[in-house]
Amino acid sequence: MKNIFITGGAGYVGAILVPKLLDKGYHVTVIDLMIYGEDVLPQHENLNAVKGDIRDLELMKKLIPGHDAVVHLACISNDPSFELNPDLGKSINLDPFEPMVQIAKENGVQRFIYASSSSVYGIKDEPQVTEDMKLEPLTDYSKFKAECEQILKKYESDDFTCLTIRPATVCGYSPRLRLDLTVNILTNFAVNKGFIKVFGGEQKRPNIHIQDMTDLYCELLVMPHEKIHGKIFNAGYENFKVKEIAQMVKNVIGDQVDIKTEPTNDNRSYHVSSEKIKQELGFVPQHSIEDAVRDLKEAFDKGVIKDSFENEKYFNVKLMQNIELT
């Protein structure tokens, strides 16, 4: 595998993954709308960063041939931003998926790695939510993620390795930073406001450090076909209550941080088991939630993150409202 095609490669995860792949000697093509800026990716002779839309099938037919693997990250990426414009969400998260898989398979791509979501399970009472449990997605975002999983299954073959990853919520610093994710939100408040506001607190949230998430994608590109083909893996590990995450943030930032708890009607609680990926692939994360908090604090201290409450580029919903993406 030498040539890697990444959709959404200038996003939160892609901005960490792409430099890792370049460092490993891959040639990388990225397609991304670049709505959060084109400066999040490095200048590199082996990088072809295309400002483009995965819904443009003629463009995809030009770009995908010649690649050995596709890593599909592109999506409208959380429920609130999805609900702003459901038609837009469907047009990006579902409609172009099958044509893209077809183009990849017909043009000799050997491996297709799909980033689904642990939200496809919905709310489960079981203490360990495993990959074989029934999917009960609650939102259009998670329903379309589940539908794409089923579409990909149809195209599996001995010469087209298909794999689905269901990541937990990713946390930590990225050049294309999101401050609308649990750990990152709490850290932003702790560092810049001196307090953390927790709504409820008993809800569980699974998390994975962005360095572990991107290391996993790198490993999946070199794993033997028989180990991963047709498989679905959760990628999470750290299932903690929101109030426990808040305490971790306080432990890193300092005792001066005040944790304020307020009631909430939103008691959605998610917890996933990552035992399968540990047993079958030997993947165990090397970074913790506390590491993510430290990385963010370091970036704040260096002045890398500016206007962390006002700048719309850190918040998917705010930016999508303002640019009126269609």
C-alpha atoms as a PDB file:
ATOM      1  CA  MET A   1       0.000   0.000   0.000  1.00  0.00           C
ATOM      2  CA  LYS A   2       1.604   3.190  -1.173  1.00  0.00           C
ATOM      3  CA  ASN A   3      -1.180   5.550  -2.225  1.00  0.00           C
ATOM      4  CA  ILE A   4      -3.912   6.489   0.234  1.00  0.00           C
ATOM      5  CA  PHE A   5      -7.098   8.430  -0.542  1.00  0.00           C
ATOM      6  CA  ILE A   6      -8.694  10.183   2.434  1.00  0.00           C
ATOM      7  CA  THR A   7     -12.086  11.856   2.374  1.00  0.00           C
ATOM      8  CA  GLY A   8     -12.441  14.609   4.947  1.00  0.00           C
ATOM      9  CA  GLY A   9      -8.690  14.623   5.398  1.00  0.00           C
ATOM     10  CA  ALA A  10      -8.612  18.272   6.512  1.00  0.00           C
ATOM     11  CA  GLY A  11     -10.995  17.567   9.386  1.00  0.00           C
ATOM     12  CA  TYR A  12     -10.350  17.097  13.096  1.00  0.00           C
ATOM     13  CA  VAL A  13      -8.993  13.531  12.781  1.00  0.00           C
ATOM     14  CA  GLY A  14      -7.589  13.927   9.275  1.00  0.00           C
ATOM     15  CA  ALA A  15      -5.359  16.838  10.266  1.00  0.00           C
ATOM     16  CA  ILE A  16      -3.489  14.469  12.606  1.00  0.00           C
ATOM     17  CA  LEU A  17      -3.699  11.358  10.396  1.00  0.00           C
ATOM     18  CA  VAL A  18      -2.403  12.887   7.157  1.00  0.00           C
ATOM     19  CA  PRO A  19       0.985  14.052   8.556  1.00  0.00           C
ATOM     20  CA  LYS A  20       1.471  10.615  10.157  1.00  0.00           C
ATOM     21  CA  LEU A  21       0.928   8.896   6.831  1.00  0.00           C
ATOM     22  CA  LEU A  22       3.290  11.293   5.049  1.00  0.00           C
ATOM     23  CA  ASP A  23       5.932  10.623   7.721  1.00  0.00           C
ATOM     24  CA  LYS A  24       5.538   6.906   7.020  1.00  0.00           C
ATOM     25  CA  GLY A  25       6.284   7.447   3.326  1.00  0.00           C
ATOM     26  CA  TYR A  26       2.797   7.196   1.867  1.00  0.00           C
ATOM     27  CA  HIS A  27       1.513   9.300  -1.005  1.00  0.00           C
ATOM     28  CA  VAL A  28      -1.738  10.843   0.179  1.00  0.00           C
ATOM     29  CA  THR A  29      -4.645  12.434  -1.656  1.00  0.00           C
ATOM     30  CA  VAL A  30      -7.141  14.384   0.447  1.00  0.00           C
ATOM     31  CA  ILE A  31     -10.546  15.560  -0.698  1.00  0.00           C
ATOM     32  CA  ASP A  32     -12.207  18.034   1.629  1.00  0.00           C
ATOM     33  CA  LEU A  33     -14.489  21.053   1.388  1.00  0.00           C
ATOM     34  CA  MET A  34     -11.844  22.907   3.462  1.00  0.00           C
ATOM     35  CA  ILE A  35     -14.553  24.944   5.207  1.00  0.00           C
ATOM     36  CA  TYR A  36     -12.415  25.082   8.361  1.00  0.00           C
ATOM     37  CA  GLY A  37      -9.374  26.358   6.494  1.00  0.00           C
ATOM     38  CA  GLU A  38      -6.780  24.998   4.102  1.00  0.00           C
ATOM     39  CA  ASP A  39      -3.865  25.662   6.442  1.00  0.00           C
ATOM     40  CA  VAL A  40      -4.437  22.645   8.714  1.00  0.00           C
ATOM     41  CA  LEU A  41      -2.484  20.322   6.412  1.00  0.00           C
ATOM     42  CA  PRO A  42       1.278  20.483   5.834  1.00  0.00           C
ATOM     43  CA  GLN A  43       2.949  21.434   2.573  1.00  0.00           C
ATOM     44  CA  HIS A  44       4.455  18.174   1.351  1.00  0.00           C
ATOM     45  CA  GLU A  45       5.604  16.815  -1.993  1.00  0.00           C
ATOM     46  CA  ASN A  46       3.665  13.572  -1.429  1.00  0.00           C
ATOM     47  CA  LEU A  47       0.383  15.291  -0.523  1.00  0.00           C
ATOM     48  CA  ASN A  48      -2.290  16.210  -3.045  1.00  0.00           C
ATOM     49  CA  ALA A  49      -4.862  18.249  -1.103  1.00  0.00           C
ATOM     50  CA  VAL A  50      -7.947  18.807  -3.243  1.00  0.00           C
ATOM     51  CA  LYS A  51     -10.590  21.337  -2.288  1.00  0.00           C
ATOM     52  CA  GLY A  52     -13.601  19.409  -3.483  1.00  0.00           C
ATOM     53  CA  ASP A  53     -16.882  17.716  -2.650  1.00  0.00           C
ATOM     54  CA  ILE A  54     -17.411  13.964  -2.300  1.00  0.00           C
ATOM     55  CA  ARG A  55     -20.852  14.531  -3.865  1.00  0.00           C
ATOM     56  CA  ASP A  56     -19.094  15.443  -7.140  1.00  0.00           C
ATOM     57  CA  LEU A  57     -18.953  11.947  -8.609  1.00  0.00           C
ATOM     58  CA  GLU A  58     -17.081  13.028 -11.740  1.00  0.00           C
ATOM     59  CA  LEU A  59     -14.342  14.446  -9.519  1.00  0.00           C
ATOM     60  CA  MET A  60     -14.275  11.238  -7.483  1.00  0.00           C
ATOM     61  CA  LYS A  61     -13.934   9.187 -10.672  1.00  0.00           C
ATOM     62  CA  LYS A  62     -10.874  11.270 -11.558  1.00  0.00           C
ATOM     63  CA  LEU A  63      -9.245  11.180  -8.126  1.00  0.00           C
ATOM     64  CA  ILE A  64      -9.774   7.652  -6.756  1.00  0.00           C
ATOM     65  CA  PRO A  65      -8.108   5.547  -9.508  1.00  0.00           C
ATOM     66  CA  GLY A  66      -4.469   4.779  -8.718  1.00  0.00           C
ATOM     67  CA  HIS A  67      -4.979   4.523  -4.956  1.00  0.00           C
ATOM     68  CA  ASP A  68      -4.454   1.384  -2.911  1.00  0.00           C
ATOM     69  CA  ALA A  69      -6.740   2.278  -0.004  1.00  0.00           C
ATOM     70  CA  VAL A  70      -9.568   4.641   0.880  1.00  0.00           C
ATOM     71  CA  VAL A  71     -10.085   5.953   4.409  1.00  0.00           C
ATOM     72  CA  HIS A  72     -13.540   7.513   4.508  1.00  0.00           C
ATOM     73  CA  LEU A  73     -13.720  10.166   7.229  1.00  0.00           C
ATOM     74  CA  ALA A  74     -15.836  12.840   5.527  1.00  0.00           C
ATOM     75  CA  CYS A  75     -19.218  13.592   7.052  1.00  0.00           C
ATOM     76  CA  ILE A  76     -21.409  16.215   8.653  1.00  0.00           C
ATOM     77  CA  SER A  77     -20.212  15.162  12.008  1.00  0.00           C
ATOM     78  CA  ASN A  78     -22.519  15.598  14.929  1.00  0.00           C
ATOM     79  CA  ASP A  79     -26.200  15.519  15.723  1.00  0.00           C
ATOM     80  CA  PRO A  80     -26.815  19.252  16.319  1.00  0.00           C
ATOM     81  CA  SER A  81     -25.120  20.294  13.073  1.00  0.00           C
ATOM     82  CA  PHE A  82     -26.981  17.522  11.296  1.00  0.00           C
ATOM     83  CA  GLU A  83     -30.327  18.753  12.579  1.00  0.00           C
ATOM     84  CA  LEU A  84     -29.644  22.252  11.240  1.00  0.00           C
ATOM     85  CA  ASN A  85     -30.030  20.913   7.725  1.00  0.00           C
ATOM     86  CA  PRO A  86     -31.157  17.268   7.498  1.00  0.00           C
ATOM     87  CA  ASP A  87     -31.144  17.290   3.677  1.00  0.00           C
ATOM     88  CA  LEU A  88     -27.538  18.439   3.637  1.00  0.00           C
ATOM     89  CA  GLY A  89     -26.618  15.735   6.133  1.00  0.00           C
ATOM     90  CA  LYS A  90     -28.173  13.015   3.994  1.00  0.00           C
ATOM     91  CA  SER A  91     -26.598  14.384   0.812  1.00  0.00           C
ATOM     92  CA  ILE A  92     -23.107  14.098   2.341  1.00  0.00           C
ATOM     93  CA  ASN A  93     -23.332  11.252   4.855  1.00  0.00           C
ATOM     94  CA  LEU A  94     -25.427   8.767   2.884  1.00  0.00           C
ATOM     95  CA  ASP A  95     -26.093   9.535  -0.788  1.00  0.00           C
ATOM     96  CA  PRO A  96     -22.487   9.559  -2.142  1.00  0.00           C
ATOM     97  CA  PHE A  97     -21.355   6.554  -0.103  1.00  0.00           C
ATOM     98  CA  GLU A  98     -22.376   3.690  -2.379  1.00  0.00           C
ATOM     99  CA  PRO A  99     -21.168   5.391  -5.582  1.00  0.00           C
ATOM    100  CA  MET A 100     -17.827   6.039  -3.869  1.00  0.00           C
ATOM    101  CA  VAL A 101     -17.472   2.392  -2.806  1.00  0.00           C
ATOM    102  CA  GLN A 102     -18.336   1.315  -6.357  1.00  0.00           C
ATOM    103  CA  ILE A 103     -15.772   3.676  -7.887  1.00  0.00           C
ATOM    104  CA  ALA A 104     -13.123   2.403  -5.467  1.00  0.00           C
ATOM    105  CA  LYS A 105     -13.803  -1.267  -6.162  1.00  0.00           C
ATOM    106  CA  GLU A 106     -14.067  -0.848  -9.934  1.00  0.00           C
ATOM    107  CA  ASN A 107     -10.728   0.972 -10.031  1.00  0.00           C
ATOM    108  CA  GLY A 108      -8.640  -1.561  -8.163  1.00  0.00           C
ATOM    109  CA  VAL A 109      -8.606  -0.049  -4.679  1.00  0.00           C
ATOM    110  CA  GLN A 110      -7.618  -2.909  -2.374  1.00  0.00           C
ATOM    111  CA  ARG A 111      -8.870  -1.655   0.981  1.00  0.00           C
ATOM    112  CA  PHE A 112     -11.782   0.507   2.169  1.00  0.00           C
ATOM    113  CA  ILE A 113     -11.805   1.690   5.795  1.00  0.00           C
ATOM    114  CA  TYR A 114     -15.043   3.301   6.930  1.00  0.00           C
ATOM    115  CA  ALA A 115     -15.303   5.543   9.979  1.00  0.00           C
ATOM    116  CA  SER A 116     -18.762   4.850  11.385  1.00  0.00           C
ATOM    117  CA  SER A 117     -19.725   5.848  14.949  1.00  0.00           C
ATOM    118  CA  SER A 118     -20.425   4.244  18.309  1.00  0.00           C
ATOM    119  CA  SER A 119     -23.677   6.237  18.306  1.00  0.00           C
ATOM    120  CA  VAL A 120     -25.205   3.555  16.018  1.00  0.00           C
ATOM    121  CA  TYR A 121     -26.035   1.502  19.119  1.00  0.00           C
ATOM    122  CA  GLY A 122     -28.394   4.109  20.545  1.00  0.00           C
ATOM    123  CA  ILE A 123     -28.885   3.879  24.311  1.00  0.00           C
ATOM    124  CA  LYS A 124     -28.118   0.511  25.860  1.00  0.00           C
ATOM    125  CA  ASP A 125     -28.561  -0.660  29.443  1.00  0.00           C
ATOM    126  CA  GLU A 126     -25.879  -3.328  29.138  1.00  0.00           C
ATOM    127  CA  PRO A 127     -22.606  -2.447  30.901  1.00  0.00           C
ATOM    128  CA  GLN A 128     -20.581  -3.574  27.867  1.00  0.00           C
ATOM    129  CA  VAL A 129     -21.898  -2.735  24.412  1.00  0.00           C
ATOM    130  CA  THR A 130     -20.324  -5.132  21.910  1.00  0.00           C
ATOM    131  CA  GLU A 131     -20.197  -5.162  18.128  1.00  0.00           C
ATOM    132  CA  ASP A 132     -22.782  -7.942  17.777  1.00  0.00           C
ATOM    133  CA  MET A 133     -25.541  -6.047  19.591  1.00  0.00           C
ATOM    134  CA  LYS A 134     -28.569  -4.735  17.754  1.00  0.00           C
ATOM    135  CA  LEU A 135     -28.167  -1.268  16.283  1.00  0.00           C
ATOM    136  CA  GLU A 136     -30.785   1.218  17.494  1.00  0.00           C
ATOM    137  CA  PRO A 137     -29.670   4.584  16.084  1.00  0.00           C
ATOM    138  CA  LEU A 138     -31.653   7.504  17.466  1.00  0.00           C
ATOM    139  CA  THR A 139     -30.811  10.287  15.017  1.00  0.00           C
ATOM    140  CA  ASP A 140     -30.474  10.723  11.266  1.00  0.00           C
ATOM    141  CA  TYR A 141     -26.716  11.052  11.754  1.00  0.00           C
ATOM    142  CA  SER A 142     -26.414   7.642  13.405  1.00  0.00           C
ATOM    143  CA  LYS A 143     -29.042   6.030  11.138  1.00  0.00           C
ATOM    144  CA  PHE A 144     -27.066   6.984   8.045  1.00  0.00           C
ATOM    145  CA  LYS A 145     -23.841   5.750   9.649  1.00  0.00           C
ATOM    146  CA  ALA A 146     -25.540   2.374  10.196  1.00  0.00           C
ATOM    147  CA  GLU A 147     -26.919   2.307   6.639  1.00  0.00           C
ATOM    148  CA  CYS A 148     -23.465   2.909   5.186  1.00  0.00           C
ATOM    149  CA  GLU A 149     -22.136  -0.042   7.177  1.00  0.00           C
ATOM    150  CA  GLN A 150     -24.702  -2.275   5.459  1.00  0.00           C
ATOM    151  CA  ILE A 151     -23.894  -0.836   2.042  1.00  0.00           C
ATOM    152  CA  LEU A 152     -20.178  -1.552   2.482  1.00  0.00           C
ATOM    153  CA  LYS A 153     -20.916  -5.196   3.401  1.00  0.00           C
ATOM    154  CA  LYS A 154     -22.398  -5.736  -0.061  1.00  0.00           C
ATOM    155  CA  TYR A 155     -19.090  -4.975  -1.767  1.00  0.00           C
ATOM    156  CA  GLU A 156     -16.767  -7.188   0.279  1.00  0.00           C
ATOM    157  CA  SER A 157     -14.635  -9.550  -1.800  1.00  0.00           C
ATOM    158  CA  ASP A 158     -11.281 -11.305  -1.608  1.00  0.00           C
ATOM    159  CA  ASP A 159      -9.626  -8.486  -3.538  1.00  0.00           C
ATOM    160  CA  PHE A 160     -11.514  -5.640  -1.819  1.00  0.00           C
ATOM    161  CA  THR A 161     -10.902  -5.573   1.929  1.00  0.00           C
ATOM    162  CA  CYS A 162     -13.734  -3.780   3.737  1.00  0.00           C
ATOM    163  CA  LEU A 163     -13.609  -2.700   7.362  1.00  0.00           C
ATOM    164  CA  THR A 164     -15.824  -0.619   9.639  1.00  0.00           C
ATOM    165  CA  ILE A 165     -14.586   1.186  12.735  1.00  0.00           C
ATOM    166  CA  ARG A 166     -17.058   2.550  15.289  1.00  0.00           C
ATOM    167  CA  PRO A 167     -15.048   5.206  17.129  1.00  0.00           C
ATOM    168  CA  ALA A 168     -15.960   6.643  20.477  1.00  0.00           C
ATOM    169  CA  THR A 169     -15.849  10.424  20.854  1.00  0.00           C
ATOM    170  CA  VAL A 170     -12.385  11.596  19.908  1.00  0.00           C
ATOM    171  CA  CYS A 171     -10.564  14.022  22.219  1.00  0.00           C
ATOM    172  CA  GLY A 172      -7.346  16.000  22.249  1.00  0.00           C
ATOM    173  CA  TYR A 173      -5.562  18.675  20.248  1.00  0.00           C
ATOM    174  CA  SER A 174      -5.593  18.901  16.436  1.00  0.00           C
ATOM    175  CA  PRO A 175      -4.612  21.738  14.078  1.00  0.00           C
ATOM    176  CA  ARG A 176      -8.254  21.570  12.922  1.00  0.00           C
ATOM    177  CA  LEU A 177      -9.553  21.763  16.462  1.00  0.00           C
ATOM    178  CA  ARG A 178     -13.062  21.014  17.650  1.00  0.00           C
ATOM    179  CA  LEU A 179     -14.169  22.533  20.941  1.00  0.00           C
ATOM    180  CA  ASP A 180     -17.659  21.031  20.737  1.00  0.00           C
ATOM    181  CA  LEU A 181     -16.684  17.572  22.053  1.00  0.00           C
ATOM    182  CA  THR A 182     -17.025  16.570  25.717  1.00  0.00           C
ATOM    183  CA  VAL A 183     -13.400  16.474  26.911  1.00  0.00           C
ATOM    184  CA  ASN A 184     -12.396  19.446  24.759  1.00  0.00           C
ATOM    185  CA  ILE A 185     -15.404  21.515  25.923  1.00  0.00           C
ATOM    186  CA  LEU A 186     -14.667  20.903  29.592  1.00  0.00           C
ATOM    187  CA  THR A 187     -10.977  21.702  29.139  1.00  0.00           C
ATOM    188  CA  ASN A 188     -11.751  24.955  27.330  1.00  0.00           C
ATOM    189  CA  PHE A 189     -13.977  26.059  30.209  1.00  0.00           C
ATOM    190  CA  ALA A 190     -11.486  24.991  32.880  1.00  0.00           C
ATOM    191  CA  VAL A 191      -8.540  26.805  31.290  1.00  0.00           C
ATOM    192  CA  ASN A 192     -10.284  29.948  30.095  1.00  0.00           C
ATOM    193  CA  LYS A 193     -13.216  30.439  32.470  1.00  0.00           C
ATOM    194  CA  GLY A 194     -11.909  28.833  35.636  1.00  0.00           C
ATOM    195  CA  PHE A 195     -14.970  26.637  36.012  1.00  0.00           C
ATOM    196  CA  ILE A 196     -16.656  23.635  34.425  1.00  0.00           C
ATOM    197  CA  LYS A 197     -20.397  23.404  34.035  1.00  0.00           C
ATOM    198  CA  VAL A 198     -21.672  19.818  34.110  1.00  0.00           C
ATOM    199  CA  PHE A 199     -25.238  19.105  33.061  1.00  0.00           C
ATOM    200  CA  GLY A 200     -26.354  16.015  34.943  1.00  0.00           C
ATOM    201  CA  GLY A 201     -23.048  14.209  35.156  1.00  0.00           C
ATOM    202  CA  GLU A 202     -24.138  10.591  35.534  1.00  0.00           C
ATOM    203  CA  GLN A 203     -24.189  10.044  31.742  1.00  0.00           C
ATOM    204  CA  LYS A 204     -21.356   7.896  30.442  1.00  0.00           C
ATOM    205  CA  ARG A 205     -19.314   9.017  27.470  1.00  0.00           C
ATOM    206  CA  PRO A 206     -16.783   6.777  25.687  1.00  0.00           C
ATOM    207  CA  ASN A 207     -13.643   8.580  24.541  1.00  0.00           C
ATOM    208  CA  ILE A 208     -10.506   7.869  22.545  1.00  0.00           C
ATOM    209  CA  HIS A 209      -7.453  10.109  22.249  1.00  0.00           C
ATOM    210  CA  ILE A 210      -6.918  11.520  18.761  1.00  0.00           C
ATOM    211  CA  GLN A 211      -3.366  10.139  18.650  1.00  0.00           C
ATOM    212  CA  ASP A 212      -4.666   6.620  19.329  1.00  0.00           C
ATOM    213  CA  MET A 213      -7.456   7.005  16.784  1.00  0.00           C
ATOM    214  CA  THR A 214      -5.021   8.029  14.051  1.00  0.00           C
ATOM    215  CA  ASP A 215      -2.450   5.378  15.058  1.00  0.00           C
ATOM    216  CA  LEU A 216      -5.222   2.813  14.644  1.00  0.00           C
ATOM    217  CA  TYR A 217      -5.974   3.946  11.075  1.00  0.00           C
ATOM    218  CA  CYS A 218      -2.267   3.676  10.266  1.00  0.00           C
ATOM    219  CA  GLU A 219      -2.186   0.127  11.632  1.00  0.00           C
ATOM    220  CA  LEU A 220      -5.302  -0.883   9.702  1.00  0.00           C
ATOM    221  CA  LEU A 221      -3.589   0.001   6.435  1.00  0.00           C
ATOM    222  CA  VAL A 222      -0.947  -2.680   7.006  1.00  0.00           C
ATOM    223  CA  MET A 223      -2.980  -5.366   8.798  1.00  0.00           C
ATOM    224  CA  PRO A 224      -3.351  -8.654   6.896  1.00  0.00           C
ATOM    225  CA  HIS A 225      -6.580  -9.004   4.891  1.00  0.00           C
ATOM    226  CA  GLU A 226      -7.771 -12.033   6.852  1.00  0.00           C
ATOM    227  CA  LYS A 227      -7.510 -10.212  10.193  1.00  0.00           C
ATOM    228  CA  ILE A 228      -9.786  -7.320   9.296  1.00  0.00           C
ATOM    229  CA  HIS A 229     -11.827  -8.193   6.197  1.00  0.00           C
ATOM    230  CA  GLY A 230     -15.560  -7.798   6.730  1.00  0.00           C
ATOM    231  CA  LYS A 231     -15.014  -6.958  10.380  1.00  0.00           C
ATOM    232  CA  ILE A 232     -16.542  -4.279  12.569  1.00  0.00           C
ATOM    233  CA  PHE A 233     -14.636  -2.964  15.565  1.00  0.00           C
ATOM    234  CA  ASN A 234     -15.489  -0.556  18.352  1.00  0.00           C
ATOM    235  CA  ALA A 235     -12.635   1.808  19.179  1.00  0.00           C
ATOM    236  CA  GLY A 236     -13.169   3.418  22.546  1.00  0.00           C
ATOM    237  CA  TYR A 237     -11.824   2.052  25.827  1.00  0.00           C
ATOM    238  CA  GLU A 238     -12.369   4.962  28.203  1.00  0.00           C
ATOM    239  CA  ASN A 239     -15.994   4.936  29.383  1.00  0.00           C
ATOM    240  CA  PHE A 240     -16.452   7.506  32.126  1.00  0.00           C
ATOM    241  CA  LYS A 241     -19.313   9.511  33.557  1.00  0.00           C
ATOM    242  CA  VAL A 242     -19.257  13.164  32.539  1.00  0.00           C
ATOM    243  CA  LYS A 243     -18.728  14.154  36.175  1.00  0.00           C
ATOM    244  CA  GLU A 244     -15.677  11.845  36.290  1.00  0.00           C
ATOM    245  CA  ILE A 245     -14.285  13.450  33.134  1.00  0.00           C
ATOM    246  CA  ALA A 246     -14.812  16.871  34.721  1.00  0.00           C
ATOM    247  CA  GLN A 247     -12.795  15.743  37.747  1.00  0.00           C
ATOM    248  CA  MET A 248      -9.981  14.504  35.490  1.00  0.00           C
ATOM    249  CA  VAL A 249      -9.888  17.902  33.805  1.00  0.00           C
ATOM    250  CA  LYS A 250      -9.737  19.599  37.203  1.00  0.00           C
ATOM    251  CA  ASN A 251      -6.922  17.275  38.305  1.00  0.00           C
ATOM    252  CA  VAL A 252      -4.830  18.379  35.304  1.00  0.00           C
ATOM    253  CA  ILE A 253      -5.702  22.084  35.192  1.00  0.00           C
ATOM    254  CA  GLY A 254      -5.678  22.725  38.935  1.00  0.00           C
ATOM    255  CA  ASP A 255      -7.699  22.763  42.141  1.00  0.00           C
ATOM    256  CA  GLN A 256      -8.800  26.331  41.469  1.00  0.00           C
ATOM    257  CA  VAL A 257     -11.223  25.019  38.840  1.00  0.00           C
ATOM    258  CA  ASP A 258     -14.782  25.027  40.161  1.00  0.00           C
ATOM    259  CA  ILE A 259     -17.115  22.245  38.985  1.00  0.00           C
ATOM    260  CA  LYS A 260     -20.731  23.393  38.809  1.00  0.00           C
ATOM    261  CA  THR A 261     -23.442  20.766  38.340  1.00  0.00           C
ATOM    262  CA  GLU A 262     -26.825  21.591  36.869  1.00  0.00           C
ATOM    263  CA  PRO A 263     -29.824  19.351  36.158  1.00  0.00           C
ATOM    264  CA  THR A 264     -30.498  18.129  32.641  1.00  0.00           C
ATOM    265  CA  ASN A 265     -33.245  16.428  30.674  1.00  0.00           C
ATOM    266  CA  ASP A 266     -30.673  14.814  28.401  1.00  0.00           C
ATOM    267  CA  ASN A 267     -29.662  11.610  30.149  1.00  0.00           C
ATOM    268  CA  ARG A 268     -28.307   9.822  27.079  1.00  0.00           C
ATOM    269  CA  SER A 269     -25.550   7.530  28.236  1.00  0.00           C
ATOM    270  CA  TYR A 270     -23.146   5.689  25.942  1.00  0.00           C
ATOM    271  CA  HIS A 271     -20.612   3.029  26.817  1.00  0.00           C
ATOM    272  CA  VAL A 272     -18.844   0.678  24.409  1.00  0.00           C
ATOM    273  CA  SER A 273     -16.659  -2.378  24.816  1.00  0.00           C
ATOM    274  CA  SER A 274     -13.335  -2.399  22.962  1.00  0.00           C
ATOM    275  CA  GLU A 275     -12.444  -5.935  23.977  1.00  0.00           C
ATOM    276  CA  LYS A 276     -12.801  -7.330  20.438  1.00  0.00           C
ATOM    277  CA  ILE A 277     -10.260  -4.970  18.873  1.00  0.00           C
ATOM    278  CA  LYS A 278      -7.885  -5.696  21.743  1.00  0.00           C
ATOM    279  CA  GLN A 279      -8.198  -9.476  21.406  1.00  0.00           C
ATOM    280  CA  GLU A 280      -8.244  -9.728  17.604  1.00  0.00           C
ATOM    281  CA  LEU A 281      -5.921  -6.904  16.556  1.00  0.00           C
ATOM    282  CA  GLY A 282      -3.930  -6.287  19.717  1.00  0.00           C
ATOM    283  CA  PHE A 283      -4.892  -2.626  19.668  1.00  0.00           C
ATOM    284  CA  VAL A 284      -4.652  -0.939  23.060  1.00  0.00           C
ATOM    285  CA  PRO A 285      -4.572   2.859  23.335  1.00  0.00           C
ATOM    286  CA  GLN A 286      -1.426   4.509  24.602  1.00  0.00           C
ATOM    287  CA  HIS A 287      -2.999   7.837  25.616  1.00  0.00           C
ATOM    288  CA  SER A 288      -5.567   8.835  28.225  1.00  0.00           C
ATOM    289  CA  ILE A 289      -8.215  11.505  28.667  1.00  0.00           C
ATOM    290  CA  GLU A 290      -5.761  13.275  30.984  1.00  0.00           C
ATOM    291  CA  ASP A 291      -3.192  13.287  28.154  1.00  0.00           C
ATOM    292  CA  ALA A 292      -5.776  14.942  25.899  1.00  0.00           C
ATOM    293  CA  VAL A 293      -6.388  17.611  28.551  1.00  0.00           C
ATOM    294  CA  ARG A 294      -2.629  18.211  28.913  1.00  0.00           C
ATOM    295  CA  ASP A 295      -2.196  18.558  25.144  1.00  0.00           C
ATOM    296  CA  LEU A 296      -5.026  21.085  24.961  1.00  0.00           C
ATOM    297  CA  LYS A 297      -3.690  23.014  27.965  1.00  0.00           C
ATOM    298  CA  GLU A 298      -0.259  23.211  26.330  1.00  0.00           C
ATOM    299  CA  ALA A 299      -1.810  24.597  23.135  1.00  0.00           C
ATOM    300  CA  PHE A 300      -3.793  27.172  25.148  1.00  0.00           C
ATOM    301  CA  ASP A 301      -0.675  28.150  27.109  1.00  0.00           C
ATOM    302  CA  LYS A 302       1.289  28.658  23.881  1.00  0.00           C
ATOM    303  CA  GLY A 303      -1.450  30.874  22.464  1.00  0.00           C
ATOM    304  CA  VAL A 304      -2.105  28.502  19.562  1.00  0.00           C
ATOM    305  CA  ILE A 305      -5.873  28.442  20.222  1.00  0.00           C
ATOM    306  CA  LYS A 306      -7.261  31.950  19.921  1.00  0.00           C
ATOM    307  CA  ASP A 307     -10.776  33.200  20.759  1.00  0.00           C
ATOM    308  CA  SER A 308     -11.766  29.731  21.920  1.00  0.00           C
ATOM    309  CA  PHE A 309     -15.358  30.688  22.712  1.00  0.00           C
ATOM    310  CA  GLU A 310     -15.980  33.194  19.907  1.00  0.00           C
ATOM    311  CA  ASN A 311     -14.225  31.714  16.871  1.00  0.00           C
ATOM    312  CA  GLU A 312     -16.792  29.755  14.878  1.00  0.00           C
ATOM    313  CA  LYS A 313     -14.171  27.479  13.318  1.00  0.00           C
ATOM    314  CA  TYR A 314     -13.991  25.468  16.546  1.00  0.00           C
ATOM    315  CA  PHE A 315     -17.727  24.765  16.547  1.00  0.00           C
ATOM    316  CA  ASN A 316     -19.336  22.794  13.731  1.00  0.00           C
ATOM    317  CA  VAL A 317     -22.834  24.149  14.316  1.00  0.00           C
ATOM    318  CA  LYS A 318     -21.788  27.805  14.467  1.00  0.00           C
ATOM    319  CA  LEU A 319     -19.761  27.602  11.281  1.00  0.00           C
ATOM    320  CA  MET A 320     -22.396  25.706   9.345  1.00  0.00           C
ATOM    321  CA  GLN A 321     -25.024  28.255  10.337  1.00  0.00           C
ATOM    322  CA  ASN A 322     -22.877  31.102   9.119  1.00  0.00           C
ATOM    323  CA  ILE A 323     -21.594  29.758   5.798  1.00  0.00           C
ATOM    324  CA  GLU A 324     -24.966  28.288   4.763  1.00  0.00           C
ATOM    325  CA  LEU A 325     -23.396  25.202   3.227  1.00  0.00           C
ATOM    326  CA  THR A 326     -25.709  23.553   0.682  1.00  0.00           C
END
